[in-house]
Amino acid sequence: MNFPHHAPDRQRGAALIIGLIMLLILTLLGVTAISNVTLQERMSGSLMDRNLAFQAAEMALRRAEDHVNKKNNANLDVETGTAVYDLNTDTPQPAPSDIDAWDDGYLSAPAIDGISSAPRYRIERQIKVSDSQPAIYRLSAIGYGNRPGTTVVLQTTFGVPVF
């Protein structure tokens, strides 16, 4: 029986080229998957940090509500520098959106572990018609996250009847 004989010089290395192309494709898929996972990790870290700042701002708002509730509305100090302002007067007030102004004239809430700065709040009396009518307050609070640039500013309106 006579078998056909293939000479070694007739092979062109097609299997090697296909193998290298497959290896290149798998490497590109691996690099893409790793960069995708890294991006998702950063996004989840930022979301967690923002959530921490939001919770700190919420806690500061509750602290401001307690501050208003514990004081008799007639005796709630409305003075510059005490973070209690009266919107019906010409008292200069910093804008809540001015993040740099939060260091001066705002009350500090208790510090929270894992955040860069203690949350702060301020109280603004909006309406006080008479001693028998409820006083309406606008409460502003800022919370900070673990990273220095993460901040959340919240505002709420809070009414307390005068007794």
C-alpha atoms as a PDB file:
ATOM      1  CA  MET A   1       0.000   0.000   0.000  1.00  0.00           C
ATOM      2  CA  ASN A   2       1.287   3.340  -0.970  1.00  0.00           C
ATOM      3  CA  PHE A   3       0.368   6.383   1.205  1.00  0.00           C
ATOM      4  CA  PRO A   4       0.698   9.914  -0.082  1.00  0.00           C
ATOM      5  CA  HIS A   5       3.640  11.630   1.463  1.00  0.00           C
ATOM      6  CA  HIS A   6       3.410  15.346   2.427  1.00  0.00           C
ATOM      7  CA  ALA A   7       6.647  17.081   2.362  1.00  0.00           C
ATOM      8  CA  PRO A   8       7.453  19.367   5.381  1.00  0.00           C
ATOM      9  CA  ASP A   9       8.149  22.317   3.095  1.00  0.00           C
ATOM     10  CA  ARG A  10       4.508  22.420   1.960  1.00  0.00           C
ATOM     11  CA  GLN A  11       3.116  23.347   5.446  1.00  0.00           C
ATOM     12  CA  ARG A  12       2.473  27.058   5.862  1.00  0.00           C
ATOM     13  CA  GLY A  13       1.755  27.376   9.688  1.00  0.00           C
ATOM     14  CA  ALA A  14      -1.965  28.207   9.428  1.00  0.00           C
ATOM     15  CA  ALA A  15      -2.719  26.596  12.809  1.00  0.00           C
ATOM     16  CA  LEU A  16      -0.135  28.823  14.502  1.00  0.00           C
ATOM     17  CA  ILE A  17      -1.560  31.990  12.953  1.00  0.00           C
ATOM     18  CA  ILE A  18      -5.148  31.054  13.897  1.00  0.00           C
ATOM     19  CA  GLY A  19      -4.012  30.214  17.439  1.00  0.00           C
ATOM     20  CA  LEU A  20      -2.284  33.596  17.812  1.00  0.00           C
ATOM     21  CA  ILE A  21      -5.362  35.432  16.520  1.00  0.00           C
ATOM     22  CA  MET A  22      -7.576  33.555  19.011  1.00  0.00           C
ATOM     23  CA  LEU A  23      -5.136  34.396  21.821  1.00  0.00           C
ATOM     24  CA  LEU A  24      -5.198  38.071  20.830  1.00  0.00           C
ATOM     25  CA  ILE A  25      -9.021  38.111  20.859  1.00  0.00           C
ATOM     26  CA  LEU A  26      -9.120  36.470  24.298  1.00  0.00           C
ATOM     27  CA  THR A  27      -6.582  38.988  25.621  1.00  0.00           C
ATOM     28  CA  LEU A  28      -8.660  41.920  24.338  1.00  0.00           C
ATOM     29  CA  LEU A  29     -11.799  40.450  25.931  1.00  0.00           C
ATOM     30  CA  GLY A  30      -9.951  40.046  29.243  1.00  0.00           C
ATOM     31  CA  VAL A  31      -8.629  43.607  29.233  1.00  0.00           C
ATOM     32  CA  THR A  32     -12.090  44.967  28.384  1.00  0.00           C
ATOM     33  CA  ALA A  33     -13.680  42.951  31.202  1.00  0.00           C
ATOM     34  CA  ILE A  34     -11.109  44.185  33.729  1.00  0.00           C
ATOM     35  CA  SER A  35     -11.588  47.841  32.744  1.00  0.00           C
ATOM     36  CA  ASN A  36     -15.379  47.405  32.940  1.00  0.00           C
ATOM     37  CA  VAL A  37     -15.143  45.928  36.446  1.00  0.00           C
ATOM     38  CA  THR A  38     -12.829  48.772  37.529  1.00  0.00           C
ATOM     39  CA  LEU A  39     -15.302  51.369  36.239  1.00  0.00           C
ATOM     40  CA  GLN A  40     -18.204  49.679  38.044  1.00  0.00           C
ATOM     41  CA  GLU A  41     -16.179  49.558  41.250  1.00  0.00           C
ATOM     42  CA  ARG A  42     -15.511  53.304  41.049  1.00  0.00           C
ATOM     43  CA  MET A  43     -19.181  54.043  40.358  1.00  0.00           C
ATOM     44  CA  SER A  44     -20.357  51.978  43.308  1.00  0.00           C
ATOM     45  CA  GLY A  45     -17.768  53.661  45.564  1.00  0.00           C
ATOM     46  CA  SER A  46     -18.972  57.095  44.479  1.00  0.00           C
ATOM     47  CA  LEU A  47     -22.585  56.094  45.015  1.00  0.00           C
ATOM     48  CA  MET A  48     -21.785  54.826  48.501  1.00  0.00           C
ATOM     49  CA  ASP A  49     -19.928  58.053  49.314  1.00  0.00           C
ATOM     50  CA  ARG A  50     -22.828  60.197  48.081  1.00  0.00           C
ATOM     51  CA  ASN A  51     -25.261  58.094  50.107  1.00  0.00           C
ATOM     52  CA  LEU A  52     -23.116  58.653  53.198  1.00  0.00           C
ATOM     53  CA  ALA A  53     -23.169  62.422  52.573  1.00  0.00           C
ATOM     54  CA  PHE A  54     -26.945  62.314  52.078  1.00  0.00           C
ATOM     55  CA  GLN A  55     -27.436  60.473  55.380  1.00  0.00           C
ATOM     56  CA  ALA A  56     -25.190  62.985  57.163  1.00  0.00           C
ATOM     57  CA  ALA A  57     -27.263  65.876  55.752  1.00  0.00           C
ATOM     58  CA  GLU A  58     -30.485  64.123  56.816  1.00  0.00           C
ATOM     59  CA  MET A  59     -29.086  63.723  60.325  1.00  0.00           C
ATOM     60  CA  ALA A  60     -28.212  67.426  60.431  1.00  0.00           C
ATOM     61  CA  LEU A  61     -31.784  68.308  59.349  1.00  0.00           C
ATOM     62  CA  ARG A  62     -33.182  66.194  62.195  1.00  0.00           C
ATOM     63  CA  ARG A  63     -30.797  67.967  64.564  1.00  0.00           C
ATOM     64  CA  ALA A  64     -32.088  71.353  63.312  1.00  0.00           C
ATOM     65  CA  GLU A  65     -35.695  70.183  63.850  1.00  0.00           C
ATOM     66  CA  ASP A  66     -34.796  69.171  67.402  1.00  0.00           C
ATOM     67  CA  HIS A  67     -33.147  72.575  67.902  1.00  0.00           C
ATOM     68  CA  VAL A  68     -36.373  74.336  66.858  1.00  0.00           C
ATOM     69  CA  ASN A  69     -38.605  71.990  68.864  1.00  0.00           C
ATOM     70  CA  LYS A  70     -36.634  72.362  72.089  1.00  0.00           C
ATOM     71  CA  LYS A  71     -36.711  76.143  72.005  1.00  0.00           C
ATOM     72  CA  ASN A  72     -39.783  78.222  72.570  1.00  0.00           C
ATOM     73  CA  ASN A  73     -40.309  79.966  69.238  1.00  0.00           C
ATOM     74  CA  ALA A  74     -40.486  83.351  70.914  1.00  0.00           C
ATOM     75  CA  ASN A  75     -37.070  82.720  72.481  1.00  0.00           C
ATOM     76  CA  LEU A  76     -35.336  81.228  69.436  1.00  0.00           C
ATOM     77  CA  ASP A  77     -32.351  83.514  68.973  1.00  0.00           C
ATOM     78  CA  VAL A  78     -32.380  85.255  65.635  1.00  0.00           C
ATOM     79  CA  GLU A  79     -28.902  86.715  65.451  1.00  0.00           C
ATOM     80  CA  THR A  80     -26.140  86.765  62.926  1.00  0.00           C
ATOM     81  CA  GLY A  81     -23.530  84.148  63.744  1.00  0.00           C
ATOM     82  CA  THR A  82     -25.907  81.779  65.519  1.00  0.00           C
ATOM     83  CA  ALA A  83     -27.122  80.060  62.328  1.00  0.00           C
ATOM     84  CA  VAL A  84     -30.652  81.267  63.108  1.00  0.00           C
ATOM     85  CA  TYR A  85     -31.800  83.944  60.688  1.00  0.00           C
ATOM     86  CA  ASP A  86     -35.041  85.821  60.129  1.00  0.00           C
ATOM     87  CA  LEU A  87     -35.951  86.069  56.447  1.00  0.00           C
ATOM     88  CA  ASN A  88     -38.298  88.984  57.176  1.00  0.00           C
ATOM     89  CA  THR A  89     -35.429  91.285  58.144  1.00  0.00           C
ATOM     90  CA  ASP A  90     -32.391  92.636  56.361  1.00  0.00           C
ATOM     91  CA  THR A  91     -30.050  90.201  58.129  1.00  0.00           C
ATOM     92  CA  PRO A  92     -27.327  89.179  55.675  1.00  0.00           C
ATOM     93  CA  GLN A  93     -27.537  85.488  54.924  1.00  0.00           C
ATOM     94  CA  PRO A  94     -25.229  83.221  52.984  1.00  0.00           C
ATOM     95  CA  ALA A  95     -26.757  81.335  50.074  1.00  0.00           C
ATOM     96  CA  PRO A  96     -27.269  77.614  50.780  1.00  0.00           C
ATOM     97  CA  SER A  97     -25.629  76.784  47.456  1.00  0.00           C
ATOM     98  CA  ASP A  98     -22.411  78.569  48.499  1.00  0.00           C
ATOM     99  CA  ILE A  99     -20.481  75.580  49.841  1.00  0.00           C
ATOM    100  CA  ASP A 100     -17.576  77.721  51.097  1.00  0.00           C
ATOM    101  CA  ALA A 101     -19.910  79.770  53.330  1.00  0.00           C
ATOM    102  CA  TRP A 102     -20.951  76.687  55.313  1.00  0.00           C
ATOM    103  CA  ASP A 103     -17.929  76.999  57.585  1.00  0.00           C
ATOM    104  CA  ASP A 104     -19.053  80.291  59.121  1.00  0.00           C
ATOM    105  CA  GLY A 105     -22.372  80.938  60.814  1.00  0.00           C
ATOM    106  CA  TYR A 106     -23.664  77.376  60.745  1.00  0.00           C
ATOM    107  CA  LEU A 107     -24.222  75.007  63.615  1.00  0.00           C
ATOM    108  CA  SER A 108     -22.346  71.716  63.626  1.00  0.00           C
ATOM    109  CA  ALA A 109     -24.101  68.413  64.047  1.00  0.00           C
ATOM    110  CA  PRO A 110     -22.239  65.548  65.732  1.00  0.00           C
ATOM    111  CA  ALA A 111     -19.352  64.119  63.738  1.00  0.00           C
ATOM    112  CA  ILE A 112     -19.853  60.799  61.997  1.00  0.00           C
ATOM    113  CA  ASP A 113     -17.130  58.190  61.600  1.00  0.00           C
ATOM    114  CA  GLY A 114     -15.969  57.802  58.024  1.00  0.00           C
ATOM    115  CA  ILE A 115     -16.794  61.280  56.728  1.00  0.00           C
ATOM    116  CA  SER A 116     -14.415  64.122  55.975  1.00  0.00           C
ATOM    117  CA  SER A 117     -16.223  66.874  57.976  1.00  0.00           C
ATOM    118  CA  ALA A 118     -19.031  67.125  60.500  1.00  0.00           C
ATOM    119  CA  PRO A 119     -22.402  67.994  58.942  1.00  0.00           C
ATOM    120  CA  ARG A 120     -23.713  71.536  59.459  1.00  0.00           C
ATOM    121  CA  TYR A 121     -27.105  73.213  59.506  1.00  0.00           C
ATOM    122  CA  ARG A 122     -28.810  76.582  59.778  1.00  0.00           C
ATOM    123  CA  ILE A 123     -32.313  77.749  60.641  1.00  0.00           C
ATOM    124  CA  GLU A 124     -34.196  80.559  58.878  1.00  0.00           C
ATOM    125  CA  ARG A 125     -37.485  81.826  60.241  1.00  0.00           C
ATOM    126  CA  GLN A 126     -39.685  82.526  57.223  1.00  0.00           C
ATOM    127  CA  ILE A 127     -43.036  83.467  58.737  1.00  0.00           C
ATOM    128  CA  LYS A 128     -44.189  84.486  62.176  1.00  0.00           C
ATOM    129  CA  VAL A 129     -47.478  86.322  61.878  1.00  0.00           C
ATOM    130  CA  SER A 130     -48.236  86.568  65.586  1.00  0.00           C
ATOM    131  CA  ASP A 131     -47.619  84.756  68.837  1.00  0.00           C
ATOM    132  CA  SER A 132     -50.750  82.657  68.297  1.00  0.00           C
ATOM    133  CA  GLN A 133     -49.809  81.552  64.757  1.00  0.00           C
ATOM    134  CA  PRO A 134     -47.286  78.836  63.941  1.00  0.00           C
ATOM    135  CA  ALA A 135     -43.805  79.879  62.956  1.00  0.00           C
ATOM    136  CA  ILE A 136     -42.464  78.467  59.704  1.00  0.00           C
ATOM    137  CA  TYR A 137     -38.760  77.709  59.387  1.00  0.00           C
ATOM    138  CA  ARG A 138     -36.577  76.800  56.454  1.00  0.00           C
ATOM    139  CA  LEU A 139     -33.885  74.389  57.589  1.00  0.00           C
ATOM    140  CA  SER A 140     -30.748  73.945  55.486  1.00  0.00           C
ATOM    141  CA  ALA A 141     -28.164  71.231  56.054  1.00  0.00           C
ATOM    142  CA  ILE A 142     -24.995  70.032  54.387  1.00  0.00           C
ATOM    143  CA  GLY A 143     -23.511  66.569  54.692  1.00  0.00           C
ATOM    144  CA  TYR A 144     -20.052  65.479  53.631  1.00  0.00           C
ATOM    145  CA  GLY A 145     -18.907  62.123  52.330  1.00  0.00           C
ATOM    146  CA  ASN A 146     -15.694  60.230  52.844  1.00  0.00           C
ATOM    147  CA  ARG A 147     -14.039  62.040  49.956  1.00  0.00           C
ATOM    148  CA  PRO A 148     -13.539  65.796  50.476  1.00  0.00           C
ATOM    149  CA  GLY A 149     -15.403  66.790  47.302  1.00  0.00           C
ATOM    150  CA  THR A 150     -18.594  64.865  48.091  1.00  0.00           C
ATOM    151  CA  THR A 151     -21.299  67.139  49.524  1.00  0.00           C
ATOM    152  CA  VAL A 152     -25.082  67.034  49.693  1.00  0.00           C
ATOM    153  CA  VAL A 153     -27.167  70.115  50.563  1.00  0.00           C
ATOM    154  CA  LEU A 154     -30.753  69.554  51.727  1.00  0.00           C
ATOM    155  CA  GLN A 155     -33.504  71.992  52.666  1.00  0.00           C
ATOM    156  CA  THR A 156     -36.866  71.471  54.280  1.00  0.00           C
ATOM    157  CA  THR A 157     -39.686  73.615  55.609  1.00  0.00           C
ATOM    158  CA  PHE A 158     -40.671  73.015  59.214  1.00  0.00           C
ATOM    159  CA  GLY A 159     -43.598  74.471  61.107  1.00  0.00           C
ATOM    160  CA  VAL A 160     -43.937  74.686  64.891  1.00  0.00           C
ATOM    161  CA  PRO A 161     -47.030  76.059  66.604  1.00  0.00           C
ATOM    162  CA  VAL A 162     -46.428  78.748  69.203  1.00  0.00           C
ATOM    163  CA  PHE A 163     -47.908  77.913  72.592  1.00  0.00           C
END
